[in-house]
Structures are given as C-alpha cells and as structure tokens.
Amino acid sequence: MKIVGDEYEAAAQIQIFRPDYVVVDCALGKKRASDLCTNLFNDARIPVTRIILASKTRKLTEYCDKEVF
C-alpha cells in the first residue's frame, strides 16, 4: 500500500507502483477529483482501473454516475 498527499506524488508513484485499487478523497473538490479519476482511468500503465471514492463531508452522489461503484 502506498499513500500520497497530492496529484504530483500520485503521478510519481504510478511510475514504480501499479495499484490494484486507487482511493480518491473527494475533499479535493468535484473538479479535481473528477480530473484525477479520468486521468487514472485513461492511464495505460494501470491495466484494470478500480477507483474508490471516499468522503466524510461530501455527498458522493454529486460525483458518481452509474459507472462508479
């Protein structure tokens, strides 16, 4: 398991670590969380992308559509 604090650290870790799951804290805000998920999903270095959205303060229905579980 690797924990990073921001998008830059995440990009650096993807070079050397291929995660089975990625947990995205939605406290980043809707736009940043959406951009991060899109970039992770489209990254060819991660063959099967499994993204988990997490938040203590935001309603996840604002972020999710039928393709996000």
PDB file of N, CA and C in Angstrom:
ATOM      1  N   MET A   1       0.846  -1.169   0.000  1.00  0.00           N
ATOM      2  CA  MET A   1       0.000   0.000   0.000  1.00  0.00           C
ATOM      3  C   MET A   1       0.892   1.234   0.000  1.00  0.00           C
ATOM      4  N   LYS A   2       0.533   2.192  -0.813  1.00  0.00           N
ATOM      5  CA  LYS A   2       1.231   3.478  -0.869  1.00  0.00           C
ATOM      6  C   LYS A   2       0.203   4.573  -0.611  1.00  0.00           C
ATOM      7  N   ILE A   3       0.581   5.562   0.160  1.00  0.00           N
ATOM      8  CA  ILE A   3      -0.289   6.710   0.427  1.00  0.00           C
ATOM      9  C   ILE A   3       0.428   7.953  -0.052  1.00  0.00           C
ATOM     10  N   VAL A   4      -0.287   8.770  -0.832  1.00  0.00           N
ATOM     11  CA  VAL A   4       0.284  10.017  -1.331  1.00  0.00           C
ATOM     12  C   VAL A   4      -0.612  11.169  -0.918  1.00  0.00           C
ATOM     13  N   GLY A   5      -0.054  12.363  -0.918  1.00  0.00           N
ATOM     14  CA  GLY A   5      -0.786  13.526  -0.451  1.00  0.00           C
ATOM     15  C   GLY A   5      -1.357  14.410  -1.536  1.00  0.00           C
ATOM     16  N   ASP A   6      -0.892  14.227  -2.776  1.00  0.00           N
ATOM     17  CA  ASP A   6      -1.399  15.079  -3.851  1.00  0.00           C
ATOM     18  C   ASP A   6      -1.201  14.411  -5.200  1.00  0.00           C
ATOM     19  N   GLU A   7      -1.673  15.091  -6.237  1.00  0.00           N
ATOM     20  CA  GLU A   7      -1.625  14.533  -7.585  1.00  0.00           C
ATOM     21  C   GLU A   7      -0.202  14.310  -8.071  1.00  0.00           C
ATOM     22  N   TYR A   8       0.705  15.194  -7.709  1.00  0.00           N
ATOM     23  CA  TYR A   8       2.101  15.063  -8.138  1.00  0.00           C
ATOM     24  C   TYR A   8       2.723  13.783  -7.583  1.00  0.00           C
ATOM     25  N   GLU A   9       2.534  13.572  -6.287  1.00  0.00           N
ATOM     26  CA  GLU A   9       3.072  12.355  -5.672  1.00  0.00           C
ATOM     27  C   GLU A   9       2.432  11.104  -6.291  1.00  0.00           C
ATOM     28  N   ALA A  10       1.149  11.170  -6.589  1.00  0.00           N
ATOM     29  CA  ALA A  10       0.466  10.035  -7.211  1.00  0.00           C
ATOM     30  C   ALA A  10       1.075   9.717  -8.571  1.00  0.00           C
ATOM     31  N   ALA A  11       1.334  10.743  -9.363  1.00  0.00           N
ATOM     32  CA  ALA A  11       1.939  10.535 -10.685  1.00  0.00           C
ATOM     33  C   ALA A  11       3.322   9.913 -10.558  1.00  0.00           C
ATOM     34  N   ALA A  12       4.076  10.343  -9.573  1.00  0.00           N
ATOM     35  CA  ALA A  12       5.412   9.781  -9.369  1.00  0.00           C
ATOM     36  C   ALA A  12       5.324   8.315  -8.950  1.00  0.00           C
ATOM     37  N   GLN A  13       4.381   7.968  -8.103  1.00  0.00           N
ATOM     38  CA  GLN A  13       4.239   6.593  -7.648  1.00  0.00           C
ATOM     39  C   GLN A  13       3.779   5.657  -8.762  1.00  0.00           C
ATOM     40  N   ILE A  14       2.946   6.138  -9.678  1.00  0.00           N
ATOM     41  CA  ILE A  14       2.453   5.305 -10.769  1.00  0.00           C
ATOM     42  C   ILE A  14       3.608   4.812 -11.641  1.00  0.00           C
ATOM     43  N   GLN A  15       4.710   5.546 -11.670  1.00  0.00           N
ATOM     44  CA  GLN A  15       5.876   5.111 -12.454  1.00  0.00           C
ATOM     45  C   GLN A  15       6.468   3.811 -11.919  1.00  0.00           C
ATOM     46  N   ILE A  16       6.361   3.586 -10.595  1.00  0.00           N
ATOM     47  CA  ILE A  16       7.028   2.426  -9.991  1.00  0.00           C
ATOM     48  C   ILE A  16       6.082   1.459  -9.287  1.00  0.00           C
ATOM     49  N   PHE A  17       4.831   1.845  -9.090  1.00  0.00           N
ATOM     50  CA  PHE A  17       3.890   1.042  -8.322  1.00  0.00           C
ATOM     51  C   PHE A  17       2.574   0.963  -9.078  1.00  0.00           C
ATOM     52  N   ARG A  18       2.117  -0.240  -9.384  1.00  0.00           N
ATOM     53  CA  ARG A  18       0.856  -0.434 -10.105  1.00  0.00           C
ATOM     54  C   ARG A  18      -0.222  -0.859  -9.123  1.00  0.00           C
ATOM     55  N   PRO A  19      -1.116   0.040  -8.760  1.00  0.00           N
ATOM     56  CA  PRO A  19      -2.108  -0.286  -7.728  1.00  0.00           C
ATOM     57  C   PRO A  19      -3.232  -1.171  -8.250  1.00  0.00           C
ATOM     58  N   ASP A  20      -3.764  -2.012  -7.368  1.00  0.00           N
ATOM     59  CA  ASP A  20      -4.965  -2.775  -7.689  1.00  0.00           C
ATOM     60  C   ASP A  20      -6.198  -1.897  -7.510  1.00  0.00           C
ATOM     61  N   TYR A  21      -6.139  -1.019  -6.514  1.00  0.00           N
ATOM     62  CA  TYR A  21      -7.224  -0.089  -6.226  1.00  0.00           C
ATOM     63  C   TYR A  21      -6.627   1.283  -5.965  1.00  0.00           C
ATOM     64  N   VAL A  22      -7.391   2.314  -6.312  1.00  0.00           N
ATOM     65  CA  VAL A  22      -6.995   3.686  -6.006  1.00  0.00           C
ATOM     66  C   VAL A  22      -8.147   4.313  -5.231  1.00  0.00           C
ATOM     67  N   VAL A  23      -7.855   4.857  -4.051  1.00  0.00           N
ATOM     68  CA  VAL A  23      -8.865   5.542  -3.249  1.00  0.00           C
ATOM     69  C   VAL A  23      -8.652   7.040  -3.438  1.00  0.00           C
ATOM     70  N   VAL A  24      -9.704   7.723  -3.890  1.00  0.00           N
ATOM     71  CA  VAL A  24      -9.637   9.163  -4.126  1.00  0.00           C
ATOM     72  C   VAL A  24     -10.493   9.869  -3.071  1.00  0.00           C
ATOM     73  N   ASP A  25      -9.879  10.767  -2.326  1.00  0.00           N
ATOM     74  CA  ASP A  25     -10.585  11.554  -1.326  1.00  0.00           C
ATOM     75  C   ASP A  25     -11.285  12.704  -2.033  1.00  0.00           C
ATOM     76  N   CYS A  26     -12.591  12.722  -1.962  1.00  0.00           N
ATOM     77  CA  CYS A  26     -13.370  13.747  -2.662  1.00  0.00           C
ATOM     78  C   CYS A  26     -13.288  15.122  -2.006  1.00  0.00           C
ATOM     79  N   ALA A  27     -12.543  15.220  -0.908  1.00  0.00           N
ATOM     80  CA  ALA A  27     -12.318  16.527  -0.306  1.00  0.00           C
ATOM     81  C   ALA A  27     -11.503  17.423  -1.236  1.00  0.00           C
ATOM     82  N   LEU A  28     -10.917  16.826  -2.275  1.00  0.00           N
ATOM     83  CA  LEU A  28     -10.190  17.607  -3.279  1.00  0.00           C
ATOM     84  C   LEU A  28     -11.110  18.598  -3.989  1.00  0.00           C
ATOM     85  N   GLY A  29     -12.387  18.298  -3.993  1.00  0.00           N
ATOM     86  CA  GLY A  29     -13.346  19.097  -4.754  1.00  0.00           C
ATOM     87  C   GLY A  29     -13.785  18.324  -5.986  1.00  0.00           C
ATOM     88  N   LYS A  30     -14.959  18.632  -6.474  1.00  0.00           N
ATOM     89  CA  LYS A  30     -15.549  17.858  -7.564  1.00  0.00           C
ATOM     90  C   LYS A  30     -14.692  17.872  -8.822  1.00  0.00           C
ATOM     91  N   LYS A  31     -14.200  19.017  -9.235  1.00  0.00           N
ATOM     92  CA  LYS A  31     -13.420  19.133 -10.475  1.00  0.00           C
ATOM     93  C   LYS A  31     -12.105  18.373 -10.374  1.00  0.00           C
ATOM     94  N   ARG A  32     -11.363  18.588  -9.284  1.00  0.00           N
ATOM     95  CA  ARG A  32     -10.061  17.917  -9.135  1.00  0.00           C
ATOM     96  C   ARG A  32     -10.227  16.411  -8.990  1.00  0.00           C
ATOM     97  N   ALA A  33     -11.223  15.978  -8.233  1.00  0.00           N
ATOM     98  CA  ALA A  33     -11.462  14.548  -8.078  1.00  0.00           C
ATOM     99  C   ALA A  33     -11.859  13.928  -9.414  1.00  0.00           C
ATOM    100  N   SER A  34     -12.699  14.605 -10.163  1.00  0.00           N
ATOM    101  CA  SER A  34     -13.126  14.112 -11.472  1.00  0.00           C
ATOM    102  C   SER A  34     -11.946  14.022 -12.434  1.00  0.00           C
ATOM    103  N   ASP A  35     -11.132  15.064 -12.472  1.00  0.00           N
ATOM    104  CA  ASP A  35      -9.950  15.058 -13.345  1.00  0.00           C
ATOM    105  C   ASP A  35      -8.993  13.934 -12.974  1.00  0.00           C
ATOM    106  N   LEU A  36      -8.775  13.738 -11.685  1.00  0.00           N
ATOM    107  CA  LEU A  36      -7.870  12.686 -11.228  1.00  0.00           C
ATOM    108  C   LEU A  36      -8.404  11.314 -11.627  1.00  0.00           C
ATOM    109  N   CYS A  37      -9.694  11.078 -11.437  1.00  0.00           N
ATOM    110  CA  CYS A  37     -10.285   9.793 -11.807  1.00  0.00           C
ATOM    111  C   CYS A  37     -10.197   9.561 -13.312  1.00  0.00           C
ATOM    112  N   THR A  38     -10.463  10.594 -14.096  1.00  0.00           N
ATOM    113  CA  THR A  38     -10.372  10.468 -15.549  1.00  0.00           C
ATOM    114  C   THR A  38      -8.954  10.125 -15.973  1.00  0.00           C
ATOM    115  N   ASN A  39      -7.972  10.810 -15.404  1.00  0.00           N
ATOM    116  CA  ASN A  39      -6.575  10.541 -15.741  1.00  0.00           C
ATOM    117  C   ASN A  39      -6.151   9.135 -15.328  1.00  0.00           C
ATOM    118  N   LEU A  40      -6.575   8.691 -14.168  1.00  0.00           N
ATOM    119  CA  LEU A  40      -6.253   7.328 -13.736  1.00  0.00           C
ATOM    120  C   LEU A  40      -6.895   6.301 -14.652  1.00  0.00           C
ATOM    121  N   PHE A  41      -8.152   6.531 -15.014  1.00  0.00           N
ATOM    122  CA  PHE A  41      -8.869   5.592 -15.875  1.00  0.00           C
ATOM    123  C   PHE A  41      -8.219   5.482 -17.247  1.00  0.00           C
ATOM    124  N   ASN A  42      -7.714   6.591 -17.758  1.00  0.00           N
ATOM    125  CA  ASN A  42      -7.119   6.611 -19.094  1.00  0.00           C
ATOM    126  C   ASN A  42      -5.632   6.276 -19.116  1.00  0.00           C
ATOM    127  N   ASP A  43      -5.033   6.010 -17.966  1.00  0.00           N
ATOM    128  CA  ASP A  43      -3.605   5.711 -17.883  1.00  0.00           C
ATOM    129  C   ASP A  43      -3.351   4.262 -18.279  1.00  0.00           C
ATOM    130  N   ALA A  44      -2.662   4.059 -19.384  1.00  0.00           N
ATOM    131  CA  ALA A  44      -2.401   2.714 -19.904  1.00  0.00           C
ATOM    132  C   ALA A  44      -1.492   1.900 -18.989  1.00  0.00           C
ATOM    133  N   ARG A  45      -0.786   2.543 -18.081  1.00  0.00           N
ATOM    134  CA  ARG A  45       0.101   1.814 -17.164  1.00  0.00           C
ATOM    135  C   ARG A  45      -0.677   1.036 -16.111  1.00  0.00           C
ATOM    136  N   ILE A  46      -1.942   1.387 -15.910  1.00  0.00           N
ATOM    137  CA  ILE A  46      -2.798   0.683 -14.954  1.00  0.00           C
ATOM    138  C   ILE A  46      -3.808  -0.114 -15.772  1.00  0.00           C
ATOM    139  N   PRO A  47      -3.570  -1.416 -15.975  1.00  0.00           N
ATOM    140  CA  PRO A  47      -4.391  -2.184 -16.909  1.00  0.00           C
ATOM    141  C   PRO A  47      -5.868  -2.290 -16.529  1.00  0.00           C
ATOM    142  N   VAL A  48      -6.174  -2.456 -15.276  1.00  0.00           N
ATOM    143  CA  VAL A  48      -7.568  -2.514 -14.825  1.00  0.00           C
ATOM    144  C   VAL A  48      -7.715  -1.489 -13.709  1.00  0.00           C
ATOM    145  N   THR A  49      -8.440  -0.438 -13.989  1.00  0.00           N
ATOM    146  CA  THR A  49      -8.557   0.652 -13.024  1.00  0.00           C
ATOM    147  C   THR A  49      -9.752   0.424 -12.114  1.00  0.00           C
ATOM    148  N   ARG A  50      -9.500   0.359 -10.827  1.00  0.00           N
ATOM    149  CA  ARG A  50     -10.562   0.263  -9.826  1.00  0.00           C
ATOM    150  C   ARG A  50     -10.405   1.471  -8.911  1.00  0.00           C
ATOM    151  N   ILE A  51     -11.344   2.379  -8.988  1.00  0.00           N
ATOM    152  CA  ILE A  51     -11.268   3.626  -8.235  1.00  0.00           C
ATOM    153  C   ILE A  51     -12.365   3.630  -7.181  1.00  0.00           C
ATOM    154  N   ILE A  52     -11.979   3.931  -5.955  1.00  0.00           N
ATOM    155  CA  ILE A  52     -12.920   4.042  -4.850  1.00  0.00           C
ATOM    156  C   ILE A  52     -12.959   5.499  -4.425  1.00  0.00           C
ATOM    157  N   LEU A  53     -14.151   6.089  -4.414  1.00  0.00           N
ATOM    158  CA  LEU A  53     -14.309   7.465  -3.964  1.00  0.00           C
ATOM    159  C   LEU A  53     -14.655   7.452  -2.479  1.00  0.00           C
ATOM    160  N   ALA A  54     -14.033   8.349  -1.729  1.00  0.00           N
ATOM    161  CA  ALA A  54     -14.268   8.413  -0.295  1.00  0.00           C
ATOM    162  C   ALA A  54     -14.450   9.861   0.132  1.00  0.00           C
ATOM    163  N   SER A  55     -15.344  10.060   1.104  1.00  0.00           N
ATOM    164  CA  SER A  55     -15.540  11.405   1.628  1.00  0.00           C
ATOM    165  C   SER A  55     -16.269  11.330   2.958  1.00  0.00           C
ATOM    166  N   LYS A  56     -15.814  12.141   3.886  1.00  0.00           N
ATOM    167  CA  LYS A  56     -16.524  12.278   5.154  1.00  0.00           C
ATOM    168  C   LYS A  56     -17.516  13.432   5.103  1.00  0.00           C
ATOM    169  N   THR A  57     -17.283  14.391   4.196  1.00  0.00           N
ATOM    170  CA  THR A  57     -18.069  15.620   4.238  1.00  0.00           C
ATOM    171  C   THR A  57     -18.951  15.852   3.019  1.00  0.00           C
ATOM    172  N   ARG A  58     -18.686  15.188   1.913  1.00  0.00           N
ATOM    173  CA  ARG A  58     -19.432  15.449   0.687  1.00  0.00           C
ATOM    174  C   ARG A  58     -20.350  14.281   0.365  1.00  0.00           C
ATOM    175  N   LYS A  59     -21.459  14.603  -0.315  1.00  0.00           N
ATOM    176  CA  LYS A  59     -22.349  13.555  -0.788  1.00  0.00           C
ATOM    177  C   LYS A  59     -21.749  12.965  -2.058  1.00  0.00           C
ATOM    178  N   LEU A  60     -21.513  11.686  -2.055  1.00  0.00           N
ATOM    179  CA  LEU A  60     -20.874  11.048  -3.203  1.00  0.00           C
ATOM    180  C   LEU A  60     -21.790  10.988  -4.419  1.00  0.00           C
ATOM    181  N   THR A  61     -23.082  11.175  -4.237  1.00  0.00           N
ATOM    182  CA  THR A  61     -23.981  11.186  -5.393  1.00  0.00           C
ATOM    183  C   THR A  61     -23.673  12.357  -6.314  1.00  0.00           C
ATOM    184  N   GLU A  62     -23.021  13.389  -5.803  1.00  0.00           N
ATOM    185  CA  GLU A  62     -22.602  14.518  -6.642  1.00  0.00           C
ATOM    186  C   GLU A  62     -21.483  14.097  -7.605  1.00  0.00           C
ATOM    187  N   TYR A  63     -20.741  13.073  -7.245  1.00  0.00           N
ATOM    188  CA  TYR A  63     -19.565  12.658  -8.004  1.00  0.00           C
ATOM    189  C   TYR A  63     -19.824  11.439  -8.872  1.00  0.00           C
ATOM    190  N   CYS A  64     -20.776  10.628  -8.479  1.00  0.00           N
ATOM    191  CA  CYS A  64     -20.930   9.309  -9.085  1.00  0.00           C
ATOM    192  C   CYS A  64     -21.989   9.288 -10.165  1.00  0.00           C
ATOM    193  N   ASP A  65     -21.757   8.442 -11.143  1.00  0.00           N
ATOM    194  CA  ASP A  65     -22.801   8.106 -12.097  1.00  0.00           C
ATOM    195  C   ASP A  65     -22.963   6.596 -12.056  1.00  0.00           C
ATOM    196  N   LYS A  66     -23.679   6.033 -12.996  1.00  0.00           N
ATOM    197  CA  LYS A  66     -23.940   4.603 -12.945  1.00  0.00           C
ATOM    198  C   LYS A  66     -22.703   3.745 -13.169  1.00  0.00           C
ATOM    199  N   GLU A  67     -21.586   4.348 -13.615  1.00  0.00           N
ATOM    200  CA  GLU A  67     -20.370   3.582 -13.858  1.00  0.00           C
ATOM    201  C   GLU A  67     -19.426   3.561 -12.664  1.00  0.00           C
ATOM    202  N   VAL A  68     -19.763   4.273 -11.609  1.00  0.00           N
ATOM    203  CA  VAL A  68     -18.922   4.332 -10.428  1.00  0.00           C
ATOM    204  C   VAL A  68     -19.630   3.580  -9.309  1.00  0.00           C
ATOM    205  N   PHE A  69     -18.896   2.713  -8.646  1.00  0.00           N
ATOM    206  CA  PHE A  69     -19.453   1.940  -7.541  1.00  0.00           C
ATOM    207  C   PHE A  69     -18.701   2.240  -6.265  1.00  0.00           C
TER     208      PHE A  69
END
